[in-house]
Full PDB file with SEQRES, HELIX, SHEET, SSBOND, CRYST1, ORIGX, SCALE, CONECT and MASTER records, all heavy atoms in Angstrom:
SEQRES   1 A   31  ILE THR ILE ALA LYS ALA PRO GLY ALA TYR GLU LEU PRO          
SEQRES   2 A   31  LEU VAL CYS GLN SER LEU ALA ASN SER GLY LYS TYR ASP          
SEQRES   3 A   31  ALA VAL ILE ALA ILE                                          
HELIX    1 AA1 ALA A    9  GLU A   11  5                                   3    
HELIX    2 AA2 LEU A   12  ASN A   21  1                                  10    
CRYST1    1.000    1.000    1.000  90.00  90.00  90.00 P 1           1          
ORIGX1      1.000000  0.000000  0.000000        0.00000                         
ORIGX2      0.000000  1.000000  0.000000        0.00000                         
ORIGX3      0.000000  0.000000  1.000000        0.00000                         
SCALE1      1.000000  0.000000  0.000000        0.00000                         
SCALE2      0.000000  1.000000  0.000000        0.00000                         
SCALE3      0.000000  0.000000  1.000000        0.00000                         
ATOM      1  N   ILE A   1      -7.497  11.401   6.923  1.00  0.00           N  
ATOM      2  CA  ILE A   1      -7.348  12.492   5.956  1.00  0.00           C  
ATOM      3  C   ILE A   1      -7.167  13.794   6.725  1.00  0.00           C  
ATOM      4  O   ILE A   1      -7.951  14.111   7.621  1.00  0.00           O  
ATOM      5  CB  ILE A   1      -8.588  12.605   5.041  1.00  0.00           C  
ATOM      6  CG1 ILE A   1      -8.844  11.285   4.304  1.00  0.00           C  
ATOM      7  CG2 ILE A   1      -8.431  13.762   4.064  1.00  0.00           C  
ATOM      8  CD1 ILE A   1     -10.197  11.214   3.601  1.00  0.00           C  
ATOM      9  N   THR A   2      -6.127  14.533   6.369  1.00  0.00           N  
ATOM     10  CA  THR A   2      -5.870  15.851   6.949  1.00  0.00           C  
ATOM     11  C   THR A   2      -5.872  16.864   5.821  1.00  0.00           C  
ATOM     12  O   THR A   2      -5.288  16.628   4.759  1.00  0.00           O  
ATOM     13  CB  THR A   2      -4.491  15.883   7.645  1.00  0.00           C  
ATOM     14  OG1 THR A   2      -4.494  14.913   8.699  1.00  0.00           O  
ATOM     15  CG2 THR A   2      -4.182  17.257   8.207  1.00  0.00           C  
ATOM     16  N   ILE A   3      -6.529  17.984   6.046  1.00  0.00           N  
ATOM     17  CA  ILE A   3      -6.548  19.065   5.056  1.00  0.00           C  
ATOM     18  C   ILE A   3      -5.762  20.244   5.625  1.00  0.00           C  
ATOM     19  O   ILE A   3      -5.995  20.668   6.758  1.00  0.00           O  
ATOM     20  CB  ILE A   3      -7.991  19.487   4.714  1.00  0.00           C  
ATOM     21  CG1 ILE A   3      -8.721  18.327   4.042  1.00  0.00           C  
ATOM     22  CG2 ILE A   3      -7.993  20.730   3.820  1.00  0.00           C  
ATOM     23  CD1 ILE A   3     -10.185  18.575   3.781  1.00  0.00           C  
ATOM     24  N   ALA A   4      -4.825  20.742   4.833  1.00  0.00           N  
ATOM     25  CA  ALA A   4      -4.051  21.936   5.205  1.00  0.00           C  
ATOM     26  C   ALA A   4      -4.336  23.003   4.147  1.00  0.00           C  
ATOM     27  O   ALA A   4      -4.096  22.771   2.962  1.00  0.00           O  
ATOM     28  CB  ALA A   4      -2.566  21.613   5.259  1.00  0.00           C  
ATOM     29  N   LYS A   5      -4.840  24.146   4.574  1.00  0.00           N  
ATOM     30  CA  LYS A   5      -5.235  25.192   3.632  1.00  0.00           C  
ATOM     31  C   LYS A   5      -4.191  26.304   3.563  1.00  0.00           C  
ATOM     32  O   LYS A   5      -3.867  26.924   4.567  1.00  0.00           O  
ATOM     33  CB  LYS A   5      -6.591  25.774   4.014  1.00  0.00           C  
ATOM     34  CG  LYS A   5      -7.715  24.761   3.845  1.00  0.00           C  
ATOM     35  CD  LYS A   5      -9.065  25.406   4.002  1.00  0.00           C  
ATOM     36  CE  LYS A   5     -10.164  24.399   3.693  1.00  0.00           C  
ATOM     37  NZ  LYS A   5     -11.486  25.019   3.749  1.00  0.00           N  
ATOM     38  N   ALA A   6      -3.690  26.520   2.341  1.00  0.00           N  
ATOM     39  CA  ALA A   6      -2.729  27.592   2.068  1.00  0.00           C  
ATOM     40  C   ALA A   6      -3.472  28.724   1.355  1.00  0.00           C  
ATOM     41  O   ALA A   6      -4.551  28.507   0.792  1.00  0.00           O  
ATOM     42  CB  ALA A   6      -1.612  27.057   1.184  1.00  0.00           C  
ATOM     43  N   PRO A   7      -2.905  29.919   1.349  1.00  0.00           N  
ATOM     44  CA  PRO A   7      -3.585  31.028   0.663  1.00  0.00           C  
ATOM     45  C   PRO A   7      -3.830  30.772  -0.825  1.00  0.00           C  
ATOM     46  O   PRO A   7      -4.899  31.086  -1.344  1.00  0.00           O  
ATOM     47  CB  PRO A   7      -2.637  32.210   0.866  1.00  0.00           C  
ATOM     48  CG  PRO A   7      -1.869  31.869   2.095  1.00  0.00           C  
ATOM     49  CD  PRO A   7      -1.712  30.372   2.059  1.00  0.00           C  
ATOM     50  N   GLY A   8      -2.838  30.198  -1.515  1.00  0.00           N  
ATOM     51  CA  GLY A   8      -2.993  29.980  -2.952  1.00  0.00           C  
ATOM     52  C   GLY A   8      -2.071  28.888  -3.432  1.00  0.00           C  
ATOM     53  O   GLY A   8      -1.360  28.237  -2.649  1.00  0.00           O  
ATOM     54  N   ALA A   9      -2.051  28.675  -4.739  1.00  0.00           N  
ATOM     55  CA  ALA A   9      -1.237  27.613  -5.326  1.00  0.00           C  
ATOM     56  C   ALA A   9       0.252  27.857  -5.128  1.00  0.00           C  
ATOM     57  O   ALA A   9       1.016  26.910  -4.946  1.00  0.00           O  
ATOM     58  CB  ALA A   9      -1.562  27.469  -6.813  1.00  0.00           C  
ATOM     59  N   TYR A  10       0.674  29.104  -5.156  1.00  0.00           N  
ATOM     60  CA  TYR A  10       2.105  29.406  -5.037  1.00  0.00           C  
ATOM     61  C   TYR A  10       2.664  28.953  -3.692  1.00  0.00           C  
ATOM     62  O   TYR A  10       3.836  28.598  -3.587  1.00  0.00           O  
ATOM     63  CB  TYR A  10       2.346  30.905  -5.243  1.00  0.00           C  
ATOM     64  CG  TYR A  10       3.792  31.241  -5.461  1.00  0.00           C  
ATOM     65  CD1 TYR A  10       4.388  31.016  -6.696  1.00  0.00           C  
ATOM     66  CD2 TYR A  10       4.576  31.759  -4.439  1.00  0.00           C  
ATOM     67  CE1 TYR A  10       5.724  31.314  -6.914  1.00  0.00           C  
ATOM     68  CE2 TYR A  10       5.916  32.060  -4.643  1.00  0.00           C  
ATOM     69  CZ  TYR A  10       6.488  31.835  -5.883  1.00  0.00           C  
ATOM     70  OH  TYR A  10       7.806  32.117  -6.094  1.00  0.00           O  
ATOM     71  N   GLU A  11       1.825  28.930  -2.674  1.00  0.00           N  
ATOM     72  CA  GLU A  11       2.258  28.530  -1.338  1.00  0.00           C  
ATOM     73  C   GLU A  11       2.202  27.019  -1.114  1.00  0.00           C  
ATOM     74  O   GLU A  11       2.689  26.514  -0.098  1.00  0.00           O  
ATOM     75  CB  GLU A  11       1.396  29.242  -0.284  1.00  0.00           C  
ATOM     76  CG  GLU A  11       1.604  30.745  -0.213  1.00  0.00           C  
ATOM     77  CD  GLU A  11       0.947  31.531  -1.363  1.00  0.00           C  
ATOM     78  OE1 GLU A  11      -0.058  31.041  -1.942  1.00  0.00           O  
ATOM     79  OE2 GLU A  11       1.438  32.625  -1.682  1.00  0.00           O  
ATOM     80  N   LEU A  12       1.614  26.283  -2.049  1.00  0.00           N  
ATOM     81  CA  LEU A  12       1.471  24.837  -1.881  1.00  0.00           C  
ATOM     82  C   LEU A  12       2.785  24.079  -1.720  1.00  0.00           C  
ATOM     83  O   LEU A  12       2.858  23.158  -0.890  1.00  0.00           O  
ATOM     84  CB  LEU A  12       0.663  24.238  -3.031  1.00  0.00           C  
ATOM     85  CG  LEU A  12      -0.835  24.504  -2.988  1.00  0.00           C  
ATOM     86  CD1 LEU A  12      -1.504  23.966  -4.248  1.00  0.00           C  
ATOM     87  CD2 LEU A  12      -1.463  23.901  -1.747  1.00  0.00           C  
ATOM     88  N   PRO A  13       3.843  24.396  -2.466  1.00  0.00           N  
ATOM     89  CA  PRO A  13       5.078  23.614  -2.281  1.00  0.00           C  
ATOM     90  C   PRO A  13       5.616  23.625  -0.850  1.00  0.00           C  
ATOM     91  O   PRO A  13       6.016  22.573  -0.334  1.00  0.00           O  
ATOM     92  CB  PRO A  13       6.057  24.265  -3.259  1.00  0.00           C  
ATOM     93  CG  PRO A  13       5.173  24.774  -4.360  1.00  0.00           C  
ATOM     94  CD  PRO A  13       3.949  25.287  -3.630  1.00  0.00           C  
ATOM     95  N   LEU A  14       5.607  24.747  -0.190  1.00  0.00           N  
ATOM     96  CA  LEU A  14       6.107  24.800   1.186  1.00  0.00           C  
ATOM     97  C   LEU A  14       5.219  23.982   2.118  1.00  0.00           C  
ATOM     98  O   LEU A  14       5.717  23.240   2.973  1.00  0.00           O  
ATOM     99  CB  LEU A  14       6.222  26.237   1.681  1.00  0.00           C  
ATOM    100  CG  LEU A  14       6.739  26.414   3.110  1.00  0.00           C  
ATOM    101  CD1 LEU A  14       8.114  25.772   3.288  1.00  0.00           C  
ATOM    102  CD2 LEU A  14       6.781  27.897   3.467  1.00  0.00           C  
ATOM    103  N   VAL A  15       3.916  24.086   1.937  1.00  0.00           N  
ATOM    104  CA  VAL A  15       2.989  23.303   2.767  1.00  0.00           C  
ATOM    105  C   VAL A  15       3.190  21.810   2.500  1.00  0.00           C  
ATOM    106  O   VAL A  15       3.281  21.012   3.433  1.00  0.00           O  
ATOM    107  CB  VAL A  15       1.530  23.731   2.507  1.00  0.00           C  
ATOM    108  CG1 VAL A  15       0.555  22.824   3.243  1.00  0.00           C  
ATOM    109  CG2 VAL A  15       1.321  25.180   2.920  1.00  0.00           C  
ATOM    110  N   CYS A  16       3.279  21.430   1.239  1.00  0.00           N  
ATOM    111  CA  CYS A  16       3.483  20.013   0.888  1.00  0.00           C  
ATOM    112  C   CYS A  16       4.805  19.495   1.421  1.00  0.00           C  
ATOM    113  O   CYS A  16       4.882  18.362   1.907  1.00  0.00           O  
ATOM    114  CB  CYS A  16       3.401  19.826  -0.627  1.00  0.00           C  
ATOM    115  SG  CYS A  16       1.736  20.022  -1.286  1.00  0.00           S  
ATOM    116  N   GLN A  17       5.836  20.299   1.343  1.00  0.00           N  
ATOM    117  CA  GLN A  17       7.140  19.902   1.867  1.00  0.00           C  
ATOM    118  C   GLN A  17       7.063  19.662   3.372  1.00  0.00           C  
ATOM    119  O   GLN A  17       7.591  18.680   3.890  1.00  0.00           O  
ATOM    120  CB  GLN A  17       8.185  20.954   1.544  1.00  0.00           C  
ATOM    121  CG  GLN A  17       9.580  20.579   1.996  1.00  0.00           C  
ATOM    122  CD  GLN A  17      10.586  21.645   1.607  1.00  0.00           C  
ATOM    123  OE1 GLN A  17      10.354  22.836   1.806  1.00  0.00           O  
ATOM    124  NE2 GLN A  17      11.674  21.211   1.014  1.00  0.00           N  
ATOM    125  N   SER A  18       6.398  20.553   4.078  1.00  0.00           N  
ATOM    126  CA  SER A  18       6.253  20.396   5.527  1.00  0.00           C  
ATOM    127  C   SER A  18       5.459  19.145   5.875  1.00  0.00           C  
ATOM    128  O   SER A  18       5.818  18.402   6.789  1.00  0.00           O  
ATOM    129  CB  SER A  18       5.576  21.633   6.126  1.00  0.00           C  
ATOM    130  OG  SER A  18       6.388  22.768   5.951  1.00  0.00           O  
ATOM    131  N   LEU A  19       4.387  18.892   5.132  1.00  0.00           N  
ATOM    132  CA  LEU A  19       3.579  17.689   5.362  1.00  0.00           C  
ATOM    133  C   LEU A  19       4.390  16.432   5.079  1.00  0.00           C  
ATOM    134  O   LEU A  19       4.388  15.482   5.870  1.00  0.00           O  
ATOM    135  CB  LEU A  19       2.325  17.730   4.490  1.00  0.00           C  
ATOM    136  CG  LEU A  19       1.279  18.792   4.863  1.00  0.00           C  
ATOM    137  CD1 LEU A  19       0.278  18.975   3.724  1.00  0.00           C  
ATOM    138  CD2 LEU A  19       0.572  18.429   6.161  1.00  0.00           C  
ATOM    139  N   ALA A  20       5.088  16.408   3.956  1.00  0.00           N  
ATOM    140  CA  ALA A  20       5.881  15.239   3.579  1.00  0.00           C  
ATOM    141  C   ALA A  20       7.013  14.995   4.578  1.00  0.00           C  
ATOM    142  O   ALA A  20       7.298  13.847   4.941  1.00  0.00           O  
ATOM    143  CB  ALA A  20       6.430  15.397   2.163  1.00  0.00           C  
ATOM    144  N   ASN A  21       7.656  16.050   5.018  1.00  0.00           N  
ATOM    145  CA  ASN A  21       8.767  15.919   5.969  1.00  0.00           C  
ATOM    146  C   ASN A  21       8.319  15.552   7.377  1.00  0.00           C  
ATOM    147  O   ASN A  21       9.140  15.124   8.185  1.00  0.00           O  
ATOM    148  CB  ASN A  21       9.580  17.215   6.026  1.00  0.00           C  
ATOM    149  CG  ASN A  21      10.543  17.341   4.873  1.00  0.00           C  
ATOM    150  OD1 ASN A  21      10.996  16.352   4.318  1.00  0.00           O  
ATOM    151  ND2 ASN A  21      10.851  18.573   4.499  1.00  0.00           N  
ATOM    152  N   SER A  22       7.041  15.724   7.672  1.00  0.00           N  
ATOM    153  CA  SER A  22       6.553  15.464   9.031  1.00  0.00           C  
ATOM    154  C   SER A  22       6.623  13.981   9.403  1.00  0.00           C  
ATOM    155  O   SER A  22       6.626  13.636  10.582  1.00  0.00           O  
ATOM    156  CB  SER A  22       5.102  15.949   9.170  1.00  0.00           C  
ATOM    157  OG  SER A  22       4.211  15.067   8.500  1.00  0.00           O  
ATOM    158  N   GLY A  23       6.655  13.105   8.391  1.00  0.00           N  
ATOM    159  CA  GLY A  23       6.654  11.677   8.659  1.00  0.00           C  
ATOM    160  C   GLY A  23       5.290  11.127   9.027  1.00  0.00           C  
ATOM    161  O   GLY A  23       5.143   9.946   9.330  1.00  0.00           O  
ATOM    162  N   LYS A  24       4.265  11.950   8.970  1.00  0.00           N  
ATOM    163  CA  LYS A  24       2.912  11.538   9.368  1.00  0.00           C  
ATOM    164  C   LYS A  24       2.075  11.007   8.213  1.00  0.00           C  
ATOM    165  O   LYS A  24       1.046  10.385   8.439  1.00  0.00           O  
ATOM    166  CB  LYS A  24       2.164  12.723   9.981  1.00  0.00           C  
ATOM    167  CG  LYS A  24       2.769  13.275  11.241  1.00  0.00           C  
ATOM    168  CD  LYS A  24       1.972  14.484  11.709  1.00  0.00           C  
ATOM    169  CE  LYS A  24       2.597  15.152  12.899  1.00  0.00           C  
ATOM    170  NZ  LYS A  24       1.845  16.361  13.297  1.00  0.00           N  
ATOM    171  N   TYR A  25       2.484  11.282   6.972  1.00  0.00           N  
ATOM    172  CA  TYR A  25       1.610  11.006   5.831  1.00  0.00           C  
ATOM    173  C   TYR A  25       2.259  10.057   4.834  1.00  0.00           C  
ATOM    174  O   TYR A  25       3.444  10.144   4.549  1.00  0.00           O  
ATOM    175  CB  TYR A  25       1.212  12.322   5.151  1.00  0.00           C  
ATOM    176  CG  TYR A  25       0.548  13.243   6.142  1.00  0.00           C  
ATOM    177  CD1 TYR A  25       1.243  14.300   6.714  1.00  0.00           C  
ATOM    178  CD2 TYR A  25      -0.751  13.005   6.559  1.00  0.00           C  
ATOM    179  CE1 TYR A  25       0.648  15.111   7.669  1.00  0.00           C  
ATOM    180  CE2 TYR A  25      -1.349  13.800   7.516  1.00  0.00           C  
ATOM    181  CZ  TYR A  25      -0.652  14.853   8.068  1.00  0.00           C  
ATOM    182  OH  TYR A  25      -1.237  15.636   9.024  1.00  0.00           O  
ATOM    183  N   ASP A  26       1.425   9.178   4.283  1.00  0.00           N  
ATOM    184  CA  ASP A  26       1.875   8.239   3.265  1.00  0.00           C  
ATOM    185  C   ASP A  26       1.814   8.862   1.875  1.00  0.00           C  
ATOM    186  O   ASP A  26       2.493   8.398   0.962  1.00  0.00           O  
ATOM    187  CB  ASP A  26       1.017   6.976   3.318  1.00  0.00           C  
ATOM    188  CG  ASP A  26       1.171   6.272   4.651  1.00  0.00           C  
ATOM    189  OD1 ASP A  26       2.250   5.697   4.877  1.00  0.00           O  
ATOM    190  OD2 ASP A  26       0.248   6.333   5.478  1.00  0.00           O  
ATOM    191  N   ALA A  27       0.989   9.892   1.717  1.00  0.00           N  
ATOM    192  CA  ALA A  27       0.890  10.621   0.452  1.00  0.00           C  
ATOM    193  C   ALA A  27       0.332  12.005   0.733  1.00  0.00           C  
ATOM    194  O   ALA A  27      -0.420  12.204   1.691  1.00  0.00           O  
ATOM    195  CB  ALA A  27      -0.008   9.891  -0.543  1.00  0.00           C  
ATOM    196  N   VAL A  28       0.724  12.934  -0.112  1.00  0.00           N  
ATOM    197  CA  VAL A  28       0.233  14.313  -0.047  1.00  0.00           C  
ATOM    198  C   VAL A  28      -0.378  14.646  -1.401  1.00  0.00           C  
ATOM    199  O   VAL A  28       0.227  14.388  -2.440  1.00  0.00           O  
ATOM    200  CB  VAL A  28       1.377  15.307   0.276  1.00  0.00           C  
ATOM    201  CG1 VAL A  28       0.871  16.740   0.286  1.00  0.00           C  
ATOM    202  CG2 VAL A  28       2.042  14.953   1.604  1.00  0.00           C  
ATOM    203  N   ILE A  29      -1.567  15.198  -1.368  1.00  0.00           N  
ATOM    204  CA  ILE A  29      -2.273  15.591  -2.589  1.00  0.00           C  
ATOM    205  C   ILE A  29      -2.337  17.114  -2.605  1.00  0.00           C  
ATOM    206  O   ILE A  29      -2.891  17.718  -1.688  1.00  0.00           O  
ATOM    207  CB  ILE A  29      -3.692  15.000  -2.625  1.00  0.00           C  
ATOM    208  CG1 ILE A  29      -3.642  13.475  -2.489  1.00  0.00           C  
ATOM    209  CG2 ILE A  29      -4.422  15.423  -3.900  1.00  0.00           C  
ATOM    210  CD1 ILE A  29      -4.976  12.843  -2.123  1.00  0.00           C  
ATOM    211  N   ALA A  30      -1.752  17.723  -3.631  1.00  0.00           N  
ATOM    212  CA  ALA A  30      -1.784  19.176  -3.774  1.00  0.00           C  
ATOM    213  C   ALA A  30      -2.957  19.546  -4.675  1.00  0.00           C  
ATOM    214  O   ALA A  30      -3.047  19.075  -5.803  1.00  0.00           O  
ATOM    215  CB  ALA A  30      -0.482  19.687  -4.371  1.00  0.00           C  
ATOM    216  N   ILE A  31      -3.845  20.392  -4.166  1.00  0.00           N  
ATOM    217  CA  ILE A  31      -5.024  20.800  -4.932  1.00  0.00           C  
ATOM    218  C   ILE A  31      -5.092  22.315  -4.967  1.00  0.00           C  
ATOM    219  O   ILE A  31      -4.966  22.991  -3.943  1.00  0.00           O  
ATOM    220  CB  ILE A  31      -6.308  20.217  -4.321  1.00  0.00           C  
ATOM    221  CG1 ILE A  31      -6.319  18.703  -4.512  1.00  0.00           C  
ATOM    222  CG2 ILE A  31      -7.549  20.861  -4.930  1.00  0.00           C  
ATOM    223  CD1 ILE A  31      -7.539  18.007  -3.982  1.00  0.00           C  
TER     224      ILE A  31                                                      
MASTER        0    0    0    2    0    0    0    6  223    1    0    3          
END                                                                             
């Protein structure tokens, strides 16, 4: 489990996109 902290919800799509594109994760959970 890796946690990536963004300032707020508006910034989550870019963080999720980077995580998903990294090829390291089988799933990304946006909270």
